[in-house]
């Protein structure tokens, strides 16, 4: 029973780690795209892009690609950039928050796995005594 219990918990921890890692990778992609938009703030005619995220069937998220921002009210501007710095700063904060939240989940799952291994090791030591 203990082996079945520990295998189930190991699977849950592995899944939590995979999901949080995918979230960190997606947040990193969002930050990279936003950084590119900010870097092109003064590039005439530049149109900002966004990272397109998709939900994975087993949990987590992936980046399916990037797309240009679809803003029907925006007037194409060839003299200056079409980047709105305030929007990009909000996107930076969002990406940072997503990354930090997923990093905390990964850290917690790692700690829980370590605790589980310590418990199982302690149980194994008691069985051999």
N, C-alpha and C. Protein backbone atom coordinates (compact mmCIF):
# COMPACT_ATOMS: atom_id res chain seq x y z
N UNK A 1 0.82 -1.20 0.00
CA UNK A 1 0.00 0.00 0.00
C UNK A 1 0.87 1.26 0.00
N UNK A 2 1.98 1.23 0.78
CA UNK A 2 2.85 2.41 0.83
C UNK A 2 3.46 2.71 -0.53
N UNK A 3 3.82 1.65 -1.28
CA UNK A 3 4.42 1.86 -2.60
C UNK A 3 3.41 2.50 -3.55
N UNK A 4 2.16 2.04 -3.49
CA UNK A 4 1.12 2.61 -4.33
C UNK A 4 0.85 4.06 -3.95
N UNK A 5 0.80 4.33 -2.64
CA UNK A 5 0.57 5.68 -2.13
C UNK A 5 1.70 6.61 -2.57
N UNK A 6 2.95 6.16 -2.42
CA UNK A 6 4.09 7.01 -2.78
C UNK A 6 4.17 7.21 -4.29
N UNK A 7 3.81 6.20 -5.08
CA UNK A 7 3.82 6.35 -6.54
C UNK A 7 2.79 7.37 -6.98
N UNK A 8 1.60 7.33 -6.36
CA UNK A 8 0.57 8.30 -6.70
C UNK A 8 1.01 9.72 -6.34
N UNK A 9 1.62 9.89 -5.19
CA UNK A 9 2.10 11.22 -4.80
C UNK A 9 3.24 11.69 -5.68
N UNK A 10 4.11 10.78 -6.08
CA UNK A 10 5.21 11.15 -6.97
C UNK A 10 4.65 11.62 -8.31
N UNK A 11 3.61 10.97 -8.79
CA UNK A 11 2.98 11.37 -10.05
C UNK A 11 2.36 12.76 -9.94
N UNK A 12 1.70 13.03 -8.82
CA UNK A 12 1.09 14.35 -8.59
C UNK A 12 2.17 15.42 -8.54
N UNK A 13 3.27 15.15 -7.85
CA UNK A 13 4.36 16.13 -7.73
C UNK A 13 5.00 16.37 -9.09
N UNK A 14 5.20 15.29 -9.85
CA UNK A 14 5.78 15.43 -11.18
C UNK A 14 4.87 16.26 -12.08
N UNK A 15 3.57 16.02 -11.98
CA UNK A 15 2.61 16.78 -12.77
C UNK A 15 2.62 18.26 -12.37
N UNK A 16 2.65 18.53 -11.07
CA UNK A 16 2.69 19.92 -10.60
C UNK A 16 3.96 20.62 -11.08
N UNK A 17 5.06 19.90 -11.07
CA UNK A 17 6.32 20.48 -11.53
C UNK A 17 6.27 20.77 -13.03
N UNK A 18 5.71 19.84 -13.80
CA UNK A 18 5.61 20.03 -15.25
C UNK A 18 4.71 21.21 -15.60
N UNK A 19 3.59 21.30 -14.90
CA UNK A 19 2.64 22.39 -15.16
C UNK A 19 3.27 23.73 -14.81
N UNK A 20 3.93 23.82 -13.66
CA UNK A 20 4.54 25.08 -13.26
C UNK A 20 5.71 25.45 -14.18
N UNK A 21 6.46 24.45 -14.62
CA UNK A 21 7.56 24.73 -15.56
C UNK A 21 7.02 25.27 -16.88
N UNK A 22 5.90 24.70 -17.36
CA UNK A 22 5.32 25.21 -18.61
C UNK A 22 4.84 26.65 -18.42
N UNK A 23 4.31 26.95 -17.25
CA UNK A 23 3.89 28.33 -16.96
C UNK A 23 5.06 29.29 -16.93
N UNK A 24 6.19 28.83 -16.37
CA UNK A 24 7.39 29.68 -16.33
C UNK A 24 7.92 29.93 -17.74
N UNK A 25 7.89 28.89 -18.58
CA UNK A 25 8.35 29.05 -19.96
C UNK A 25 7.44 29.99 -20.74
N UNK A 26 6.14 29.90 -20.51
CA UNK A 26 5.19 30.79 -21.19
C UNK A 26 5.39 32.23 -20.72
N UNK A 27 5.56 32.41 -19.41
CA UNK A 27 5.78 33.76 -18.87
C UNK A 27 7.08 34.34 -19.42
N UNK A 28 8.10 33.52 -19.55
CA UNK A 28 9.37 33.97 -20.11
C UNK A 28 9.20 34.43 -21.56
N UNK A 29 8.42 33.68 -22.33
CA UNK A 29 8.14 34.07 -23.72
C UNK A 29 7.38 35.39 -23.76
N UNK A 30 6.40 35.55 -22.87
CA UNK A 30 5.65 36.81 -22.80
C UNK A 30 6.59 37.98 -22.50
N UNK A 31 7.50 37.77 -21.56
CA UNK A 31 8.45 38.83 -21.21
C UNK A 31 9.38 39.16 -22.37
N UNK A 32 9.82 38.14 -23.09
CA UNK A 32 10.69 38.38 -24.26
C UNK A 32 9.99 39.18 -25.34
N UNK A 33 8.74 38.84 -25.62
CA UNK A 33 7.97 39.56 -26.65
C UNK A 33 7.76 41.01 -26.20
N UNK A 34 7.41 41.19 -24.94
CA UNK A 34 7.18 42.55 -24.41
C UNK A 34 8.47 43.36 -24.45
N UNK A 35 9.59 42.73 -24.10
CA UNK A 35 10.89 43.42 -24.15
C UNK A 35 11.21 43.85 -25.58
N UNK A 36 10.91 42.99 -26.54
CA UNK A 36 11.12 43.36 -27.95
C UNK A 36 10.25 44.56 -28.34
N UNK A 37 9.01 44.57 -27.88
CA UNK A 37 8.13 45.70 -28.17
C UNK A 37 8.70 47.00 -27.60
N UNK A 38 9.17 46.93 -26.36
CA UNK A 38 9.73 48.13 -25.72
C UNK A 38 11.02 48.56 -26.42
N UNK A 39 11.82 47.59 -26.83
CA UNK A 39 13.08 47.92 -27.52
C UNK A 39 12.82 48.63 -28.84
N UNK A 40 11.64 48.38 -29.42
CA UNK A 40 11.28 49.02 -30.70
C UNK A 40 10.34 50.21 -30.52
N UNK A 41 10.32 50.75 -29.34
CA UNK A 41 9.46 51.89 -29.03
C UNK A 41 9.66 53.05 -29.99
N UNK A 42 10.88 53.27 -30.41
CA UNK A 42 11.18 54.40 -31.29
C UNK A 42 11.42 53.99 -32.75
N UNK A 43 11.00 52.77 -33.10
CA UNK A 43 11.16 52.30 -34.47
C UNK A 43 9.94 52.69 -35.29
N UNK A 44 10.11 53.56 -36.29
CA UNK A 44 8.96 54.00 -37.09
C UNK A 44 8.22 52.83 -37.73
N UNK A 45 6.90 52.83 -37.59
CA UNK A 45 6.05 51.81 -38.21
C UNK A 45 6.01 50.47 -37.50
N UNK A 46 6.73 50.34 -36.39
CA UNK A 46 6.76 49.05 -35.68
C UNK A 46 5.40 48.76 -35.04
N UNK A 47 4.91 47.53 -35.23
CA UNK A 47 3.66 47.09 -34.59
C UNK A 47 3.98 46.08 -33.50
N UNK A 48 3.47 46.31 -32.30
CA UNK A 48 3.77 45.38 -31.20
C UNK A 48 3.14 44.01 -31.43
N UNK A 49 3.73 43.00 -30.83
CA UNK A 49 3.20 41.64 -30.95
C UNK A 49 2.93 41.08 -29.56
N UNK A 50 2.26 39.96 -29.51
CA UNK A 50 1.90 39.28 -28.27
C UNK A 50 2.23 37.80 -28.40
N UNK A 51 2.57 37.18 -27.29
CA UNK A 51 2.76 35.72 -27.26
C UNK A 51 1.38 35.07 -27.18
N UNK A 52 1.14 34.13 -28.07
CA UNK A 52 -0.14 33.41 -28.07
C UNK A 52 0.00 32.15 -27.23
N UNK A 53 -0.77 32.06 -26.15
CA UNK A 53 -0.71 30.93 -25.24
C UNK A 53 -1.88 29.99 -25.48
N UNK A 54 -1.61 28.70 -25.36
CA UNK A 54 -2.66 27.69 -25.49
C UNK A 54 -2.58 26.74 -24.30
N UNK A 55 -3.74 26.29 -23.87
CA UNK A 55 -3.83 25.35 -22.77
C UNK A 55 -3.45 23.95 -23.26
N UNK A 56 -2.66 23.25 -22.46
CA UNK A 56 -2.28 21.87 -22.79
C UNK A 56 -3.28 20.91 -22.18
N UNK A 57 -3.57 19.83 -22.87
CA UNK A 57 -4.61 18.89 -22.42
C UNK A 57 -4.26 18.25 -21.08
N UNK A 58 -3.00 18.00 -20.79
CA UNK A 58 -2.60 17.38 -19.53
C UNK A 58 -2.37 18.39 -18.42
N UNK A 59 -2.63 19.63 -18.69
CA UNK A 59 -2.38 20.70 -17.72
C UNK A 59 -1.20 21.52 -18.16
N UNK A 60 -1.22 22.76 -17.83
CA UNK A 60 -0.14 23.65 -18.19
C UNK A 60 -0.50 24.49 -19.41
N UNK A 61 0.51 25.16 -19.93
CA UNK A 61 0.31 26.09 -21.03
C UNK A 61 1.53 26.06 -21.94
N UNK A 62 1.33 26.37 -23.20
CA UNK A 62 2.43 26.44 -24.16
C UNK A 62 2.25 27.68 -25.01
N UNK A 63 3.33 28.12 -25.62
CA UNK A 63 3.29 29.25 -26.54
C UNK A 63 3.12 28.69 -27.94
N UNK A 64 2.01 29.07 -28.58
CA UNK A 64 1.76 28.57 -29.94
C UNK A 64 2.40 29.46 -30.99
N UNK A 65 2.89 30.60 -30.60
CA UNK A 65 3.52 31.52 -31.53
C UNK A 65 3.32 32.95 -31.07
N UNK A 66 3.59 33.88 -31.95
CA UNK A 66 3.34 35.29 -31.65
C UNK A 66 2.45 35.86 -32.74
N UNK A 67 1.71 36.87 -32.36
CA UNK A 67 0.84 37.54 -33.33
C UNK A 67 0.92 39.04 -33.10
N UNK A 68 0.58 39.78 -34.14
CA UNK A 68 0.56 41.23 -34.00
C UNK A 68 -0.71 41.63 -33.27
N UNK A 69 -0.56 42.67 -32.50
CA UNK A 69 -1.69 43.17 -31.72
C UNK A 69 -2.81 43.59 -32.67
N UNK A 70 -4.01 43.15 -32.37
CA UNK A 70 -5.16 43.49 -33.20
C UNK A 70 -5.96 44.59 -32.50
N UNK A 71 -5.70 45.82 -32.90
CA UNK A 71 -6.39 46.96 -32.30
C UNK A 71 -7.08 47.73 -33.42
N UNK A 72 -8.39 47.50 -33.60
CA UNK A 72 -9.08 48.14 -34.72
C UNK A 72 -9.13 49.67 -34.62
N UNK A 73 -8.91 50.21 -33.43
CA UNK A 73 -8.95 51.66 -33.27
C UNK A 73 -7.60 52.32 -33.54
N UNK A 74 -6.57 51.50 -33.60
CA UNK A 74 -5.24 52.05 -33.83
C UNK A 74 -5.11 52.51 -35.28
N UNK A 75 -4.49 53.63 -35.44
CA UNK A 75 -4.23 54.16 -36.77
C UNK A 75 -2.79 53.83 -37.11
N UNK A 76 -2.57 53.07 -38.19
CA UNK A 76 -1.19 52.74 -38.55
C UNK A 76 -0.35 54.00 -38.67
N UNK A 77 0.78 53.97 -38.05
CA UNK A 77 1.63 55.14 -37.99
C UNK A 77 2.99 54.77 -38.55
N UNK A 78 3.37 55.37 -39.64
CA UNK A 78 4.66 55.07 -40.24
C UNK A 78 5.75 56.04 -39.79
N UNK A 79 5.34 57.10 -39.10
CA UNK A 79 6.31 58.10 -38.63
C UNK A 79 6.90 57.71 -37.27
N UNK A 80 6.10 57.07 -36.44
CA UNK A 80 6.56 56.64 -35.12
C UNK A 80 6.12 55.19 -34.89
N UNK A 81 6.48 54.68 -33.77
CA UNK A 81 6.10 53.32 -33.40
C UNK A 81 4.64 53.26 -32.97
N UNK A 82 4.02 52.11 -33.09
CA UNK A 82 2.66 51.90 -32.61
C UNK A 82 2.66 51.24 -31.23
N UNK A 83 3.78 51.28 -30.54
CA UNK A 83 3.90 50.69 -29.22
C UNK A 83 3.39 51.67 -28.17
N UNK A 84 2.50 51.18 -27.31
CA UNK A 84 2.00 51.96 -26.18
C UNK A 84 2.78 51.52 -24.95
N UNK A 85 3.65 52.40 -24.46
CA UNK A 85 4.53 52.05 -23.35
C UNK A 85 3.77 51.63 -22.10
N UNK A 86 2.66 52.28 -21.80
CA UNK A 86 1.90 51.92 -20.60
C UNK A 86 1.35 50.50 -20.71
N UNK A 87 0.90 50.11 -21.89
CA UNK A 87 0.42 48.73 -22.10
C UNK A 87 1.56 47.75 -21.92
N UNK A 88 2.72 48.08 -22.44
CA UNK A 88 3.88 47.18 -22.33
C UNK A 88 4.34 47.05 -20.89
N UNK A 89 4.27 48.13 -20.12
CA UNK A 89 4.65 48.04 -18.71
C UNK A 89 3.70 47.16 -17.92
N UNK A 90 2.41 47.22 -18.25
CA UNK A 90 1.43 46.32 -17.63
C UNK A 90 1.74 44.88 -18.01
N UNK A 91 2.08 44.65 -19.27
CA UNK A 91 2.42 43.30 -19.73
C UNK A 91 3.68 42.77 -19.06
N UNK A 92 4.65 43.66 -18.80
CA UNK A 92 5.85 43.25 -18.08
C UNK A 92 5.49 42.78 -16.67
N UNK A 93 4.66 43.55 -16.00
CA UNK A 93 4.25 43.19 -14.63
C UNK A 93 3.47 41.88 -14.63
N UNK A 94 2.60 41.69 -15.62
CA UNK A 94 1.83 40.46 -15.73
C UNK A 94 2.76 39.26 -15.94
N UNK A 95 3.72 39.39 -16.84
CA UNK A 95 4.67 38.31 -17.09
C UNK A 95 5.49 37.99 -15.85
N UNK A 96 5.91 39.01 -15.13
CA UNK A 96 6.68 38.82 -13.91
C UNK A 96 5.85 38.09 -12.86
N UNK A 97 4.60 38.49 -12.71
CA UNK A 97 3.71 37.86 -11.73
C UNK A 97 3.45 36.40 -12.09
N UNK A 98 3.21 36.13 -13.36
CA UNK A 98 3.00 34.75 -13.80
C UNK A 98 4.24 33.89 -13.56
N UNK A 99 5.39 34.44 -13.86
CA UNK A 99 6.63 33.71 -13.65
C UNK A 99 6.84 33.42 -12.17
N UNK A 100 6.68 34.45 -11.33
CA UNK A 100 6.88 34.29 -9.89
C UNK A 100 5.91 33.28 -9.29
N UNK A 101 4.64 33.33 -9.70
CA UNK A 101 3.64 32.41 -9.16
C UNK A 101 3.99 30.97 -9.53
N UNK A 102 4.38 30.74 -10.77
CA UNK A 102 4.74 29.39 -11.20
C UNK A 102 6.04 28.92 -10.55
N UNK A 103 6.97 29.83 -10.32
CA UNK A 103 8.21 29.48 -9.62
C UNK A 103 7.91 29.06 -8.19
N UNK A 104 6.94 29.72 -7.55
CA UNK A 104 6.56 29.36 -6.18
C UNK A 104 5.91 27.97 -6.15
N UNK A 105 5.08 27.66 -7.14
CA UNK A 105 4.48 26.33 -7.23
C UNK A 105 5.58 25.28 -7.40
N UNK A 106 6.54 25.55 -8.26
CA UNK A 106 7.65 24.62 -8.49
C UNK A 106 8.45 24.41 -7.21
N UNK A 107 8.73 25.48 -6.51
CA UNK A 107 9.48 25.40 -5.25
C UNK A 107 8.71 24.58 -4.22
N UNK A 108 7.40 24.82 -4.10
CA UNK A 108 6.57 24.09 -3.14
C UNK A 108 6.49 22.61 -3.50
N UNK A 109 6.31 22.30 -4.78
CA UNK A 109 6.27 20.90 -5.21
C UNK A 109 7.59 20.21 -4.92
N UNK A 110 8.68 20.90 -5.12
CA UNK A 110 10.00 20.35 -4.85
C UNK A 110 10.16 20.06 -3.35
N UNK A 111 9.72 20.99 -2.51
CA UNK A 111 9.80 20.79 -1.07
C UNK A 111 8.92 19.62 -0.63
N UNK A 112 7.73 19.52 -1.22
CA UNK A 112 6.82 18.42 -0.87
C UNK A 112 7.41 17.08 -1.29
N UNK A 113 8.05 17.04 -2.43
CA UNK A 113 8.70 15.81 -2.89
C UNK A 113 9.82 15.42 -1.94
N UNK A 114 10.61 16.39 -1.53
CA UNK A 114 11.68 16.13 -0.57
C UNK A 114 11.14 15.61 0.75
N UNK A 115 10.06 16.19 1.23
CA UNK A 115 9.44 15.74 2.47
C UNK A 115 8.92 14.31 2.33
N UNK A 116 8.28 14.02 1.20
CA UNK A 116 7.77 12.68 0.95
C UNK A 116 8.91 11.67 0.92
N UNK A 117 10.00 12.01 0.26
CA UNK A 117 11.15 11.10 0.21
C UNK A 117 11.74 10.88 1.60
N UNK A 118 11.79 11.93 2.41
CA UNK A 118 12.28 11.78 3.78
C UNK A 118 11.38 10.87 4.59
N UNK A 119 10.08 11.01 4.44
CA UNK A 119 9.13 10.15 5.16
C UNK A 119 9.30 8.71 4.72
N UNK A 120 9.39 8.49 3.41
CA UNK A 120 9.55 7.12 2.92
C UNK A 120 10.87 6.52 3.37
N UNK A 121 11.92 7.33 3.40
CA UNK A 121 13.22 6.85 3.85
C UNK A 121 13.16 6.48 5.34
N UNK A 122 12.47 7.30 6.13
CA UNK A 122 12.30 7.03 7.56
C UNK A 122 11.50 5.74 7.76
N UNK A 123 10.42 5.57 6.98
CA UNK A 123 9.63 4.34 7.06
C UNK A 123 10.47 3.13 6.67
N UNK A 124 11.32 3.29 5.66
CA UNK A 124 12.18 2.19 5.21
C UNK A 124 13.18 1.84 6.31
N UNK A 125 13.74 2.85 6.99
CA UNK A 125 14.67 2.61 8.07
C UNK A 125 14.01 1.86 9.22
N UNK A 126 12.76 2.20 9.53
CA UNK A 126 12.04 1.53 10.62
C UNK A 126 11.73 0.08 10.26
N UNK A 127 11.45 -0.20 8.99
CA UNK A 127 11.15 -1.57 8.55
C UNK A 127 12.38 -2.46 8.65
N UNK A 128 13.56 -1.88 8.46
CA UNK A 128 14.79 -2.66 8.50
C UNK A 128 15.35 -2.80 9.91
N UNK A 129 14.76 -2.13 10.89
CA UNK A 129 15.27 -2.21 12.26
C UNK A 129 14.86 -3.47 12.96
